[in-house]
N, C-alpha and C. Protein backbone atom coordinates (compact mmCIF):
# COMPACT_ATOMS: atom_id res chain seq x y z
N UNK A 1 132.12 134.53 126.09
CA UNK A 1 132.08 135.97 126.07
C UNK A 1 133.45 136.52 125.70
N UNK A 2 133.46 137.46 124.76
CA UNK A 2 134.70 138.06 124.30
C UNK A 2 134.84 139.45 124.90
N UNK A 3 136.00 139.70 125.49
CA UNK A 3 136.28 141.04 126.01
C UNK A 3 136.88 141.89 124.91
N UNK A 4 136.52 143.14 124.89
CA UNK A 4 137.10 144.08 123.96
C UNK A 4 137.95 145.06 124.76
N UNK A 5 139.19 145.19 124.37
CA UNK A 5 140.09 146.14 125.00
C UNK A 5 140.17 147.36 124.10
N UNK A 6 140.31 148.54 124.69
CA UNK A 6 140.37 149.75 123.87
C UNK A 6 141.28 150.79 124.51
N UNK A 7 141.77 151.67 123.64
CA UNK A 7 142.59 152.80 124.08
C UNK A 7 142.28 153.99 123.19
N UNK A 8 142.31 155.17 123.76
CA UNK A 8 142.13 156.40 122.99
C UNK A 8 143.25 157.35 123.38
N UNK A 9 143.90 157.89 122.35
CA UNK A 9 145.06 158.75 122.55
C UNK A 9 144.85 160.05 121.78
N UNK A 10 145.26 161.15 122.38
CA UNK A 10 145.24 162.44 121.72
C UNK A 10 146.67 162.94 121.61
N UNK A 11 147.03 163.46 120.43
CA UNK A 11 148.37 163.98 120.20
C UNK A 11 148.25 165.42 119.72
N UNK A 12 148.97 166.31 120.38
CA UNK A 12 149.00 167.71 119.99
C UNK A 12 150.45 168.12 119.80
N UNK A 13 150.84 168.33 118.57
CA UNK A 13 152.22 168.72 118.26
C UNK A 13 152.26 170.14 117.69
N UNK A 14 151.26 170.94 118.06
CA UNK A 14 151.16 172.35 117.62
C UNK A 14 151.13 172.43 116.09
N UNK A 15 152.05 173.16 115.50
CA UNK A 15 152.05 173.37 114.04
C UNK A 15 152.38 172.09 113.25
N UNK A 16 152.96 171.12 113.90
CA UNK A 16 153.39 169.89 113.23
C UNK A 16 152.31 168.80 113.24
N UNK A 17 151.20 169.04 113.90
CA UNK A 17 150.17 168.01 114.08
C UNK A 17 149.64 167.47 112.75
N UNK A 18 149.32 168.34 111.82
CA UNK A 18 148.76 167.89 110.53
C UNK A 18 149.77 167.05 109.74
N UNK A 19 151.03 167.47 109.74
CA UNK A 19 152.06 166.72 109.02
C UNK A 19 152.26 165.34 109.64
N UNK A 20 152.25 165.27 110.95
CA UNK A 20 152.40 163.99 111.64
C UNK A 20 151.20 163.09 111.33
N UNK A 21 150.00 163.66 111.37
CA UNK A 21 148.81 162.88 111.05
C UNK A 21 148.90 162.30 109.64
N UNK A 22 149.28 163.10 108.67
CA UNK A 22 149.39 162.62 107.28
C UNK A 22 150.39 161.48 107.16
N UNK A 23 151.50 161.56 107.85
CA UNK A 23 152.51 160.52 107.72
C UNK A 23 152.13 159.23 108.45
N UNK A 24 151.44 159.33 109.58
CA UNK A 24 151.08 158.15 110.36
C UNK A 24 149.80 157.50 109.86
N UNK A 25 148.83 158.29 109.47
CA UNK A 25 147.55 157.74 109.04
C UNK A 25 147.66 156.91 107.77
N UNK A 26 148.60 157.24 106.91
CA UNK A 26 148.76 156.48 105.66
C UNK A 26 149.08 155.01 105.95
N UNK A 27 149.87 154.76 107.00
CA UNK A 27 150.16 153.37 107.39
C UNK A 27 148.90 152.66 107.85
N UNK A 28 148.08 153.36 108.57
CA UNK A 28 146.83 152.79 109.06
C UNK A 28 145.88 152.45 107.91
N UNK A 29 145.78 153.32 106.91
CA UNK A 29 144.87 153.11 105.79
C UNK A 29 145.27 151.91 104.92
N UNK A 30 146.57 151.66 104.80
CA UNK A 30 147.04 150.60 103.90
C UNK A 30 147.53 149.36 104.65
N UNK A 31 146.87 149.03 105.74
CA UNK A 31 147.20 147.84 106.51
C UNK A 31 145.91 147.09 106.82
N UNK A 32 145.29 146.51 105.78
CA UNK A 32 143.98 145.87 105.97
C UNK A 32 144.02 144.62 106.86
N UNK A 33 145.15 143.97 106.97
CA UNK A 33 145.24 142.77 107.80
C UNK A 33 145.54 143.09 109.26
N UNK A 34 145.46 144.35 109.63
CA UNK A 34 145.69 144.77 111.01
C UNK A 34 144.73 144.03 111.95
N UNK A 35 145.24 143.35 112.96
CA UNK A 35 144.37 142.60 113.88
C UNK A 35 143.60 143.48 114.86
N UNK A 36 143.85 144.78 114.82
CA UNK A 36 143.11 145.71 115.68
C UNK A 36 142.24 146.61 114.83
N UNK A 37 141.24 147.18 115.45
CA UNK A 37 140.40 148.17 114.78
C UNK A 37 140.96 149.54 115.18
N UNK A 38 141.62 150.19 114.24
CA UNK A 38 142.30 151.45 114.53
C UNK A 38 141.70 152.56 113.69
N UNK A 39 141.28 153.63 114.36
CA UNK A 39 140.73 154.80 113.67
C UNK A 39 141.54 156.02 114.07
N UNK A 40 141.83 156.87 113.07
CA UNK A 40 142.54 158.11 113.34
C UNK A 40 141.75 159.26 112.74
N UNK A 41 141.72 160.36 113.46
CA UNK A 41 141.08 161.56 112.93
C UNK A 41 141.88 162.78 113.37
N UNK A 42 141.69 163.87 112.63
CA UNK A 42 142.42 165.09 112.91
C UNK A 42 141.44 166.25 113.02
N UNK A 43 141.46 166.90 114.16
CA UNK A 43 140.77 168.17 114.35
C UNK A 43 141.88 169.14 114.75
N UNK A 44 141.88 169.65 115.91
CA UNK A 44 143.04 170.43 116.37
C UNK A 44 144.14 169.50 116.86
N UNK A 45 143.75 168.29 117.25
CA UNK A 45 144.67 167.27 117.72
C UNK A 45 144.43 165.99 116.92
N UNK A 46 145.38 165.10 116.95
CA UNK A 46 145.20 163.77 116.38
C UNK A 46 144.49 162.93 117.43
N UNK A 47 143.42 162.27 117.03
CA UNK A 47 142.72 161.35 117.93
C UNK A 47 142.89 159.94 117.36
N UNK A 48 143.41 159.05 118.18
CA UNK A 48 143.64 157.67 117.77
C UNK A 48 142.83 156.77 118.70
N UNK A 49 141.96 155.94 118.11
CA UNK A 49 141.17 154.98 118.86
C UNK A 49 141.54 153.59 118.39
N UNK A 50 141.86 152.71 119.33
CA UNK A 50 142.26 151.34 119.01
C UNK A 50 141.41 150.38 119.82
N UNK A 51 140.87 149.36 119.14
CA UNK A 51 140.11 148.30 119.81
C UNK A 51 140.64 146.95 119.35
N UNK A 52 140.62 146.00 120.26
CA UNK A 52 141.08 144.65 119.93
C UNK A 52 140.47 143.65 120.90
N UNK A 53 140.35 142.43 120.44
CA UNK A 53 139.90 141.35 121.31
C UNK A 53 141.03 140.87 122.22
N UNK A 54 142.26 141.15 121.83
CA UNK A 54 143.42 140.68 122.58
C UNK A 54 144.25 141.87 123.04
N UNK A 55 144.56 141.90 124.30
CA UNK A 55 145.32 143.02 124.85
C UNK A 55 146.73 143.08 124.25
N UNK A 56 147.29 141.95 123.90
CA UNK A 56 148.63 141.96 123.30
C UNK A 56 148.62 142.64 121.93
N UNK A 57 147.56 142.45 121.15
CA UNK A 57 147.44 143.14 119.86
C UNK A 57 147.27 144.64 120.07
N UNK A 58 146.47 145.00 121.06
CA UNK A 58 146.27 146.41 121.37
C UNK A 58 147.59 147.06 121.75
N UNK A 59 148.33 146.42 122.63
CA UNK A 59 149.61 146.95 123.08
C UNK A 59 150.60 147.10 121.92
N UNK A 60 150.67 146.10 121.07
CA UNK A 60 151.60 146.14 119.94
C UNK A 60 151.24 147.27 118.98
N UNK A 61 149.95 147.42 118.68
CA UNK A 61 149.53 148.47 117.76
C UNK A 61 149.77 149.85 118.39
N UNK A 62 149.49 149.96 119.67
CA UNK A 62 149.71 151.22 120.38
C UNK A 62 151.19 151.60 120.37
N UNK A 63 152.04 150.65 120.67
CA UNK A 63 153.49 150.91 120.65
C UNK A 63 153.96 151.32 119.25
N UNK A 64 153.51 150.61 118.23
CA UNK A 64 153.91 150.94 116.85
C UNK A 64 153.45 152.33 116.45
N UNK A 65 152.21 152.65 116.79
CA UNK A 65 151.66 153.96 116.43
C UNK A 65 152.41 155.08 117.14
N UNK A 66 152.68 154.90 118.42
CA UNK A 66 153.41 155.94 119.16
C UNK A 66 154.85 156.10 118.65
N UNK A 67 155.47 155.00 118.26
CA UNK A 67 156.83 155.10 117.70
C UNK A 67 156.82 155.81 116.35
N UNK A 68 155.79 155.55 115.53
CA UNK A 68 155.68 156.25 114.25
C UNK A 68 155.46 157.75 114.46
N UNK A 69 154.65 158.09 115.43
CA UNK A 69 154.42 159.50 115.75
C UNK A 69 155.72 160.15 116.19
N UNK A 70 156.46 159.49 117.07
CA UNK A 70 157.74 160.04 117.54
C UNK A 70 158.73 160.18 116.39
N UNK A 71 158.80 159.19 115.51
CA UNK A 71 159.72 159.25 114.37
C UNK A 71 159.33 160.39 113.42
N UNK A 72 158.04 160.58 113.19
CA UNK A 72 157.58 161.68 112.33
C UNK A 72 157.95 163.02 112.93
N UNK A 73 157.68 163.16 114.23
CA UNK A 73 158.01 164.42 114.91
C UNK A 73 159.51 164.70 114.84
N UNK A 74 160.31 163.68 115.13
CA UNK A 74 161.76 163.85 115.11
C UNK A 74 162.27 164.19 113.71
N UNK A 75 161.68 163.58 112.68
CA UNK A 75 162.09 163.88 111.30
C UNK A 75 161.77 165.33 110.94
N UNK A 76 160.59 165.77 111.31
CA UNK A 76 160.20 167.16 111.02
C UNK A 76 161.13 168.12 111.77
N UNK A 77 161.40 167.82 113.02
CA UNK A 77 162.29 168.67 113.83
C UNK A 77 163.70 168.72 113.24
N UNK A 78 164.16 167.63 112.66
CA UNK A 78 165.53 167.58 112.16
C UNK A 78 165.75 168.50 110.96
N UNK A 79 164.67 168.80 110.22
CA UNK A 79 164.82 169.71 109.06
C UNK A 79 164.20 171.07 109.35
N UNK A 80 163.69 171.25 110.55
CA UNK A 80 163.14 172.54 111.00
C UNK A 80 162.07 173.09 110.06
N UNK A 81 161.08 172.27 109.74
CA UNK A 81 159.96 172.72 108.89
C UNK A 81 159.06 173.60 109.72
């Protein structure tokens, strides 16, 4: 029996949400060898769903995604868009 681990995250960065989604989602789309099943969508907030058979893969993908979100937010803030 295989266990599936999952996480769902919502990100709301107000006016910057769409820009952050565009910058982070592109990495997700062009990483076909990703060992996790990662889906991102944008409504009023960014919704990120991650599934994996291994909790270590889930944790690594979650950490990478959150760091990319933080870097995107910080970059936007630094130029005051």
